Amino acid sequence: DNAKNTVVLQMNNLKPEDTGLYFCKAWRL
C-alpha cells in the first residue's frame, strides 16, 4: 500500500513449520 507506506504479508493455510520470528526488510541499492 504505497499511500500508507506499508507492506502486508497474508499467510493462509499455516503449518507448524511456519513458526518463527518474522522480519520486515527494506533495501535501497
PDB file of all heavy atoms in Angstrom:
ATOM      1  N   ASP A   1       0.871  -1.171   0.000  1.00  0.00           N
ATOM      2  CA  ASP A   1       0.000   0.000   0.000  1.00  0.00           C
ATOM      3  C   ASP A   1       0.909   1.223   0.000  1.00  0.00           C
ATOM      4  O   ASP A   1       1.420   1.630   1.037  1.00  0.00           O
ATOM      5  CB  ASP A   1      -0.908  -0.016   1.241  1.00  0.00           C
ATOM      6  CG  ASP A   1      -1.923   1.117   1.236  1.00  0.00           C
ATOM      7  OD1 ASP A   1      -1.663   2.152   0.591  1.00  0.00           O
ATOM      8  OD2 ASP A   1      -2.949   0.974   1.884  1.00  0.00           O
ATOM      9  N   ASN A   2       1.129   1.776  -1.180  1.00  0.00           N
ATOM     10  CA  ASN A   2       2.072   2.892  -1.294  1.00  0.00           C
ATOM     11  C   ASN A   2       1.609   4.119  -0.520  1.00  0.00           C
ATOM     12  O   ASN A   2       2.421   4.859   0.045  1.00  0.00           O
ATOM     13  CB  ASN A   2       2.288   3.248  -2.756  1.00  0.00           C
ATOM     14  CG  ASN A   2       3.069   2.188  -3.501  1.00  0.00           C
ATOM     15  OD1 ASN A   2       3.901   1.486  -2.909  1.00  0.00           O
ATOM     16  ND2 ASN A   2       2.793   2.037  -4.776  1.00  0.00           N
ATOM     17  N   ALA A   3       0.304   4.332  -0.487  1.00  0.00           N
ATOM     18  CA  ALA A   3      -0.211   5.515   0.204  1.00  0.00           C
ATOM     19  C   ALA A   3       0.085   5.452   1.701  1.00  0.00           C
ATOM     20  O   ALA A   3       0.281   6.482   2.353  1.00  0.00           O
ATOM     21  CB  ALA A   3      -1.704   5.653  -0.039  1.00  0.00           C
ATOM     22  N   LYS A   4       0.110   4.238   2.246  1.00  0.00           N
ATOM     23  CA  LYS A   4       0.356   4.068   3.674  1.00  0.00           C
ATOM     24  C   LYS A   4       1.774   3.631   3.966  1.00  0.00           C
ATOM     25  O   LYS A   4       2.123   3.383   5.120  1.00  0.00           O
ATOM     26  CB  LYS A   4      -0.623   3.043   4.251  1.00  0.00           C
ATOM     27  CG  LYS A   4      -2.086   3.463   4.161  1.00  0.00           C
ATOM     28  CD  LYS A   4      -2.995   2.409   4.781  1.00  0.00           C
ATOM     29  CE  LYS A   4      -4.445   2.831   4.726  1.00  0.00           C
ATOM     30  NZ  LYS A   4      -5.350   1.805   5.317  1.00  0.00           N
ATOM     31  N   ASN A   5       2.601   3.508   2.916  1.00  0.00           N
ATOM     32  CA  ASN A   5       3.984   3.045   3.087  1.00  0.00           C
ATOM     33  C   ASN A   5       4.030   1.745   3.883  1.00  0.00           C
ATOM     34  O   ASN A   5       4.822   1.599   4.826  1.00  0.00           O
ATOM     35  CB  ASN A   5       4.834   4.120   3.779  1.00  0.00           C
ATOM     36  CG  ASN A   5       4.910   5.390   2.964  1.00  0.00           C
ATOM     37  OD1 ASN A   5       5.031   5.340   1.748  1.00  0.00           O
ATOM     38  ND2 ASN A   5       4.817   6.524   3.625  1.00  0.00           N
ATOM     39  N   THR A   6       3.167   0.825   3.514  1.00  0.00           N
ATOM     40  CA  THR A   6       3.017  -0.429   4.249  1.00  0.00           C
ATOM     41  C   THR A   6       3.099  -1.615   3.297  1.00  0.00           C
ATOM     42  O   THR A   6       2.604  -1.556   2.173  1.00  0.00           O
ATOM     43  CB  THR A   6       1.661  -0.448   4.976  1.00  0.00           C
ATOM     44  OG1 THR A   6       1.616   0.620   5.919  1.00  0.00           O
ATOM     45  CG2 THR A   6       1.449  -1.754   5.714  1.00  0.00           C
ATOM     46  N   VAL A   7       3.736  -2.670   3.778  1.00  0.00           N
ATOM     47  CA  VAL A   7       3.757  -3.933   3.058  1.00  0.00           C
ATOM     48  C   VAL A   7       3.072  -4.981   3.932  1.00  0.00           C
ATOM     49  O   VAL A   7       3.322  -5.050   5.142  1.00  0.00           O
ATOM     50  CB  VAL A   7       5.197  -4.372   2.736  1.00  0.00           C
ATOM     51  CG1 VAL A   7       5.217  -5.793   2.202  1.00  0.00           C
ATOM     52  CG2 VAL A   7       5.805  -3.449   1.709  1.00  0.00           C
ATOM     53  N   VAL A   8       2.207  -5.767   3.314  1.00  0.00           N
ATOM     54  CA  VAL A   8       1.408  -6.747   4.047  1.00  0.00           C
ATOM     55  C   VAL A   8       1.767  -8.157   3.573  1.00  0.00           C
ATOM     56  O   VAL A   8       1.950  -8.390   2.378  1.00  0.00           O
ATOM     57  CB  VAL A   8      -0.090  -6.490   3.821  1.00  0.00           C
ATOM     58  CG1 VAL A   8      -0.929  -7.611   4.401  1.00  0.00           C
ATOM     59  CG2 VAL A   8      -0.490  -5.150   4.441  1.00  0.00           C
ATOM     60  N   LEU A   9       1.869  -9.059   4.515  1.00  0.00           N
ATOM     61  CA  LEU A   9       2.078 -10.483   4.219  1.00  0.00           C
ATOM     62  C   LEU A   9       0.846 -11.237   4.703  1.00  0.00           C
ATOM     63  O   LEU A   9       0.611 -11.354   5.905  1.00  0.00           O
ATOM     64  CB  LEU A   9       3.329 -11.009   4.913  1.00  0.00           C
ATOM     65  CG  LEU A   9       3.627 -12.492   4.690  1.00  0.00           C
ATOM     66  CD1 LEU A   9       3.994 -12.756   3.230  1.00  0.00           C
ATOM     67  CD2 LEU A   9       4.758 -12.963   5.600  1.00  0.00           C
ATOM     68  N   GLN A  10       0.051 -11.715   3.766  1.00  0.00           N
ATOM     69  CA  GLN A  10      -1.111 -12.528   4.091  1.00  0.00           C
ATOM     70  C   GLN A  10      -0.694 -13.994   4.080  1.00  0.00           C
ATOM     71  O   GLN A  10      -0.209 -14.488   3.056  1.00  0.00           O
ATOM     72  CB  GLN A  10      -2.233 -12.292   3.083  1.00  0.00           C
ATOM     73  CG  GLN A  10      -3.467 -13.150   3.311  1.00  0.00           C
ATOM     74  CD  GLN A  10      -4.185 -12.809   4.607  1.00  0.00           C
ATOM     75  OE1 GLN A  10      -4.354 -11.635   4.938  1.00  0.00           O
ATOM     76  NE2 GLN A  10      -4.603 -13.829   5.343  1.00  0.00           N
ATOM     77  N   MET A  11      -0.876 -14.665   5.208  1.00  0.00           N
ATOM     78  CA  MET A  11      -0.436 -16.048   5.347  1.00  0.00           C
ATOM     79  C   MET A  11      -1.647 -16.937   5.581  1.00  0.00           C
ATOM     80  O   MET A  11      -2.364 -16.766   6.579  1.00  0.00           O
ATOM     81  CB  MET A  11       0.543 -16.172   6.521  1.00  0.00           C
ATOM     82  CG  MET A  11       1.737 -15.242   6.411  1.00  0.00           C
ATOM     83  SD  MET A  11       2.965 -15.502   7.709  1.00  0.00           S
ATOM     84  CE  MET A  11       2.038 -14.983   9.143  1.00  0.00           C
ATOM     85  N   ASN A  12      -1.881 -17.853   4.656  1.00  0.00           N
ATOM     86  CA  ASN A  12      -3.012 -18.774   4.754  1.00  0.00           C
ATOM     87  C   ASN A  12      -2.513 -20.205   4.876  1.00  0.00           C
ATOM     88  O   ASN A  12      -1.368 -20.512   4.527  1.00  0.00           O
ATOM     89  CB  ASN A  12      -3.896 -18.642   3.523  1.00  0.00           C
ATOM     90  CG  ASN A  12      -4.512 -17.263   3.387  1.00  0.00           C
ATOM     91  OD1 ASN A  12      -4.829 -16.599   4.371  1.00  0.00           O
ATOM     92  ND2 ASN A  12      -4.689 -16.825   2.144  1.00  0.00           N
ATOM     93  N   ASN A  13      -3.383 -21.079   5.350  1.00  0.00           N
ATOM     94  CA  ASN A  13      -3.055 -22.490   5.493  1.00  0.00           C
ATOM     95  C   ASN A  13      -1.711 -22.672   6.213  1.00  0.00           C
ATOM     96  O   ASN A  13      -0.821 -23.385   5.734  1.00  0.00           O
ATOM     97  CB  ASN A  13      -3.023 -23.173   4.130  1.00  0.00           C
ATOM     98  CG  ASN A  13      -2.915 -24.685   4.233  1.00  0.00           C
ATOM     99  OD1 ASN A  13      -3.265 -25.280   5.251  1.00  0.00           O
ATOM    100  ND2 ASN A  13      -2.421 -25.314   3.178  1.00  0.00           N
ATOM    101  N   LEU A  14      -1.595 -22.031   7.341  1.00  0.00           N
ATOM    102  CA  LEU A  14      -0.333 -22.061   8.076  1.00  0.00           C
ATOM    103  C   LEU A  14      -0.018 -23.449   8.603  1.00  0.00           C
ATOM    104  O   LEU A  14      -0.914 -24.221   8.972  1.00  0.00           O
ATOM    105  CB  LEU A  14      -0.378 -21.054   9.224  1.00  0.00           C
ATOM    106  CG  LEU A  14      -0.171 -19.600   8.786  1.00  0.00           C
ATOM    107  CD1 LEU A  14      -0.716 -18.635   9.814  1.00  0.00           C
ATOM    108  CD2 LEU A  14       1.307 -19.335   8.533  1.00  0.00           C
ATOM    109  N   LYS A  15       1.274 -23.757   8.629  1.00  0.00           N
ATOM    110  CA  LYS A  15       1.775 -25.048   9.079  1.00  0.00           C
ATOM    111  C   LYS A  15       2.705 -24.843  10.274  1.00  0.00           C
ATOM    112  O   LYS A  15       3.278 -23.759  10.425  1.00  0.00           O
ATOM    113  CB  LYS A  15       2.526 -25.732   7.945  1.00  0.00           C
ATOM    114  CG  LYS A  15       1.720 -25.909   6.669  1.00  0.00           C
ATOM    115  CD  LYS A  15       2.568 -26.516   5.562  1.00  0.00           C
ATOM    116  CE  LYS A  15       1.758 -26.683   4.286  1.00  0.00           C
ATOM    117  NZ  LYS A  15       2.566 -27.277   3.189  1.00  0.00           N
ATOM    118  N   PRO A  16       2.882 -25.875  11.094  1.00  0.00           N
ATOM    119  CA  PRO A  16       3.799 -25.734  12.228  1.00  0.00           C
ATOM    120  C   PRO A  16       5.202 -25.276  11.816  1.00  0.00           C
ATOM    121  O   PRO A  16       5.848 -24.529  12.553  1.00  0.00           O
ATOM    122  CB  PRO A  16       3.817 -27.136  12.832  1.00  0.00           C
ATOM    123  CG  PRO A  16       2.469 -27.688  12.503  1.00  0.00           C
ATOM    124  CD  PRO A  16       2.155 -27.156  11.135  1.00  0.00           C
ATOM    125  N   GLU A  17       5.645 -25.703  10.645  1.00  0.00           N
ATOM    126  CA  GLU A  17       6.977 -25.298  10.186  1.00  0.00           C
ATOM    127  C   GLU A  17       7.059 -23.835   9.773  1.00  0.00           C
ATOM    128  O   GLU A  17       8.141 -23.339   9.470  1.00  0.00           O
ATOM    129  CB  GLU A  17       7.440 -26.185   9.021  1.00  0.00           C
ATOM    130  CG  GLU A  17       6.458 -26.308   7.884  1.00  0.00           C
ATOM    131  CD  GLU A  17       5.607 -27.562   7.991  1.00  0.00           C
ATOM    132  OE1 GLU A  17       5.164 -27.889   9.119  1.00  0.00           O
ATOM    133  OE2 GLU A  17       5.370 -28.198   6.946  1.00  0.00           O
ATOM    134  N   ASP A  18       5.937 -23.128   9.770  1.00  0.00           N
ATOM    135  CA  ASP A  18       5.958 -21.686   9.515  1.00  0.00           C
ATOM    136  C   ASP A  18       6.266 -20.895  10.786  1.00  0.00           C
ATOM    137  O   ASP A  18       6.422 -19.674  10.737  1.00  0.00           O
ATOM    138  CB  ASP A  18       4.608 -21.218   8.963  1.00  0.00           C
ATOM    139  CG  ASP A  18       4.297 -21.782   7.596  1.00  0.00           C
ATOM    140  OD1 ASP A  18       5.222 -21.825   6.755  1.00  0.00           O
ATOM    141  OD2 ASP A  18       3.140 -22.187   7.365  1.00  0.00           O
ATOM    142  N   THR A  19       6.352 -21.578  11.897  1.00  0.00           N
ATOM    143  CA  THR A  19       6.654 -20.910  13.164  1.00  0.00           C
ATOM    144  C   THR A  19       8.012 -20.245  13.125  1.00  0.00           C
ATOM    145  O   THR A  19       8.988 -20.821  12.632  1.00  0.00           O
ATOM    146  CB  THR A  19       6.621 -21.931  14.323  1.00  0.00           C
ATOM    147  OG1 THR A  19       5.282 -22.401  14.487  1.00  0.00           O
ATOM    148  CG2 THR A  19       7.103 -21.312  15.620  1.00  0.00           C
ATOM    149  N   GLY A  20       8.084 -19.011  13.629  1.00  0.00           N
ATOM    150  CA  GLY A  20       9.353 -18.299  13.676  1.00  0.00           C
ATOM    151  C   GLY A  20       9.150 -16.821  13.936  1.00  0.00           C
ATOM    152  O   GLY A  20       8.016 -16.345  14.069  1.00  0.00           O
ATOM    153  N   LEU A  21      10.272 -16.138  13.989  1.00  0.00           N
ATOM    154  CA  LEU A  21      10.259 -14.687  14.131  1.00  0.00           C
ATOM    155  C   LEU A  21      10.323 -14.085  12.727  1.00  0.00           C
ATOM    156  O   LEU A  21      11.259 -14.376  11.983  1.00  0.00           O
ATOM    157  CB  LEU A  21      11.449 -14.235  14.975  1.00  0.00           C
ATOM    158  CG  LEU A  21      11.473 -12.790  15.447  1.00  0.00           C
ATOM    159  CD1 LEU A  21      10.240 -12.470  16.287  1.00  0.00           C
ATOM    160  CD2 LEU A  21      12.742 -12.534  16.241  1.00  0.00           C
ATOM    161  N   TYR A  22       9.329 -13.300  12.387  1.00  0.00           N
ATOM    162  CA  TYR A  22       9.208 -12.751  11.041  1.00  0.00           C
ATOM    163  C   TYR A  22       9.703 -11.313  11.033  1.00  0.00           C
ATOM    164  O   TYR A  22       9.239 -10.473  11.817  1.00  0.00           O
ATOM    165  CB  TYR A  22       7.758 -12.818  10.564  1.00  0.00           C
ATOM    166  CG  TYR A  22       7.356 -14.191  10.098  1.00  0.00           C
ATOM    167  CD1 TYR A  22       7.294 -15.262  10.978  1.00  0.00           C
ATOM    168  CD2 TYR A  22       7.065 -14.435   8.757  1.00  0.00           C
ATOM    169  CE1 TYR A  22       6.953 -16.531  10.559  1.00  0.00           C
ATOM    170  CE2 TYR A  22       6.707 -15.710   8.316  1.00  0.00           C
ATOM    171  CZ  TYR A  22       6.655 -16.744   9.229  1.00  0.00           C
ATOM    172  OH  TYR A  22       6.309 -18.004   8.795  1.00  0.00           O
ATOM    173  N   PHE A  23      10.628 -11.049  10.117  1.00  0.00           N
ATOM    174  CA  PHE A  23      11.256  -9.737   9.999  1.00  0.00           C
ATOM    175  C   PHE A  23      10.877  -9.076   8.683  1.00  0.00           C
ATOM    176  O   PHE A  23      10.857  -9.729   7.638  1.00  0.00           O
ATOM    177  CB  PHE A  23      12.780  -9.857  10.036  1.00  0.00           C
ATOM    178  CG  PHE A  23      13.337 -10.385  11.326  1.00  0.00           C
ATOM    179  CD1 PHE A  23      13.545 -11.739  11.496  1.00  0.00           C
ATOM    180  CD2 PHE A  23      13.676  -9.518  12.350  1.00  0.00           C
ATOM    181  CE1 PHE A  23      14.060 -12.239  12.674  1.00  0.00           C
ATOM    182  CE2 PHE A  23      14.204 -10.000  13.536  1.00  0.00           C
ATOM    183  CZ  PHE A  23      14.393 -11.364  13.704  1.00  0.00           C
ATOM    184  N   CYS A  24      10.644  -7.792   8.745  1.00  0.00           N
ATOM    185  CA  CYS A  24      10.462  -6.982   7.549  1.00  0.00           C
ATOM    186  C   CYS A  24      11.805  -6.408   7.139  1.00  0.00           C
ATOM    187  O   CYS A  24      12.611  -6.000   7.996  1.00  0.00           O
ATOM    188  CB  CYS A  24       9.475  -5.858   7.842  1.00  0.00           C
ATOM    189  SG  CYS A  24       9.131  -4.764   6.450  1.00  0.00           S
ATOM    190  N   LYS A  25      12.052  -6.379   5.846  1.00  0.00           N
ATOM    191  CA  LYS A  25      13.295  -5.828   5.308  1.00  0.00           C
ATOM    192  C   LYS A  25      12.976  -4.862   4.183  1.00  0.00           C
ATOM    193  O   LYS A  25      12.059  -5.089   3.391  1.00  0.00           O
ATOM    194  CB  LYS A  25      14.185  -6.952   4.776  1.00  0.00           C
ATOM    195  CG  LYS A  25      15.471  -6.482   4.117  1.00  0.00           C
ATOM    196  CD  LYS A  25      16.229  -7.653   3.504  1.00  0.00           C
ATOM    197  CE  LYS A  25      17.476  -7.197   2.777  1.00  0.00           C
ATOM    198  NZ  LYS A  25      18.192  -8.333   2.137  1.00  0.00           N
ATOM    199  N   ALA A  26      13.730  -3.776   4.134  1.00  0.00           N
ATOM    200  CA  ALA A  26      13.653  -2.843   3.005  1.00  0.00           C
ATOM    201  C   ALA A  26      15.073  -2.585   2.521  1.00  0.00           C
ATOM    202  O   ALA A  26      16.018  -2.669   3.300  1.00  0.00           O
ATOM    203  CB  ALA A  26      12.978  -1.539   3.415  1.00  0.00           C
ATOM    204  N   TRP A  27      15.206  -2.282   1.249  1.00  0.00           N
ATOM    205  CA  TRP A  27      16.568  -2.027   0.753  1.00  0.00           C
ATOM    206  C   TRP A  27      16.566  -0.981  -0.354  1.00  0.00           C
ATOM    207  O   TRP A  27      15.572  -0.765  -1.051  1.00  0.00           O
ATOM    208  CB  TRP A  27      17.240  -3.317   0.276  1.00  0.00           C
ATOM    209  CG  TRP A  27      16.605  -3.946  -0.919  1.00  0.00           C
ATOM    210  CD1 TRP A  27      16.932  -3.742  -2.228  1.00  0.00           C
ATOM    211  CD2 TRP A  27      15.536  -4.886  -0.919  1.00  0.00           C
ATOM    212  NE1 TRP A  27      16.126  -4.498  -3.033  1.00  0.00           N
ATOM    213  CE2 TRP A  27      15.265  -5.213  -2.264  1.00  0.00           C
ATOM    214  CE3 TRP A  27      14.774  -5.483   0.086  1.00  0.00           C
ATOM    215  CZ2 TRP A  27      14.259  -6.114  -2.613  1.00  0.00           C
ATOM    216  CZ3 TRP A  27      13.788  -6.380  -0.258  1.00  0.00           C
ATOM    217  CH2 TRP A  27      13.525  -6.690  -1.595  1.00  0.00           C
ATOM    218  N   ARG A  28      17.696  -0.312  -0.434  1.00  0.00           N
ATOM    219  CA  ARG A  28      17.964   0.658  -1.493  1.00  0.00           C
ATOM    220  C   ARG A  28      19.410   0.444  -1.897  1.00  0.00           C
ATOM    221  O   ARG A  28      20.317   0.646  -1.096  1.00  0.00           O
ATOM    222  CB  ARG A  28      17.746   2.079  -1.000  1.00  0.00           C
ATOM    223  CG  ARG A  28      18.032   3.149  -2.055  1.00  0.00           C
ATOM    224  CD  ARG A  28      17.975   4.547  -1.466  1.00  0.00           C
ATOM    225  NE  ARG A  28      16.683   4.861  -0.916  1.00  0.00           N
ATOM    226  CZ  ARG A  28      16.466   5.131   0.370  1.00  0.00           C
ATOM    227  NH1 ARG A  28      17.455   5.104   1.240  1.00  0.00           N
ATOM    228  NH2 ARG A  28      15.245   5.446   0.792  1.00  0.00           N
ATOM    229  N   LEU A  29      19.619   0.003  -3.127  1.00  0.00           N
ATOM    230  CA  LEU A  29      20.945  -0.375  -3.633  1.00  0.00           C
ATOM    231  C   LEU A  29      21.516  -1.439  -2.692  1.00  0.00           C
ATOM    232  O   LEU A  29      20.920  -2.485  -2.512  1.00  0.00           O
ATOM    233  CB  LEU A  29      21.822   0.862  -3.749  1.00  0.00           C
ATOM    234  CG  LEU A  29      21.337   1.938  -4.737  1.00  0.00           C
ATOM    235  CD1 LEU A  29      22.250   3.142  -4.728  1.00  0.00           C
ATOM    236  CD2 LEU A  29      21.232   1.352  -6.140  1.00  0.00           C
TER     237      LEU A  29
END
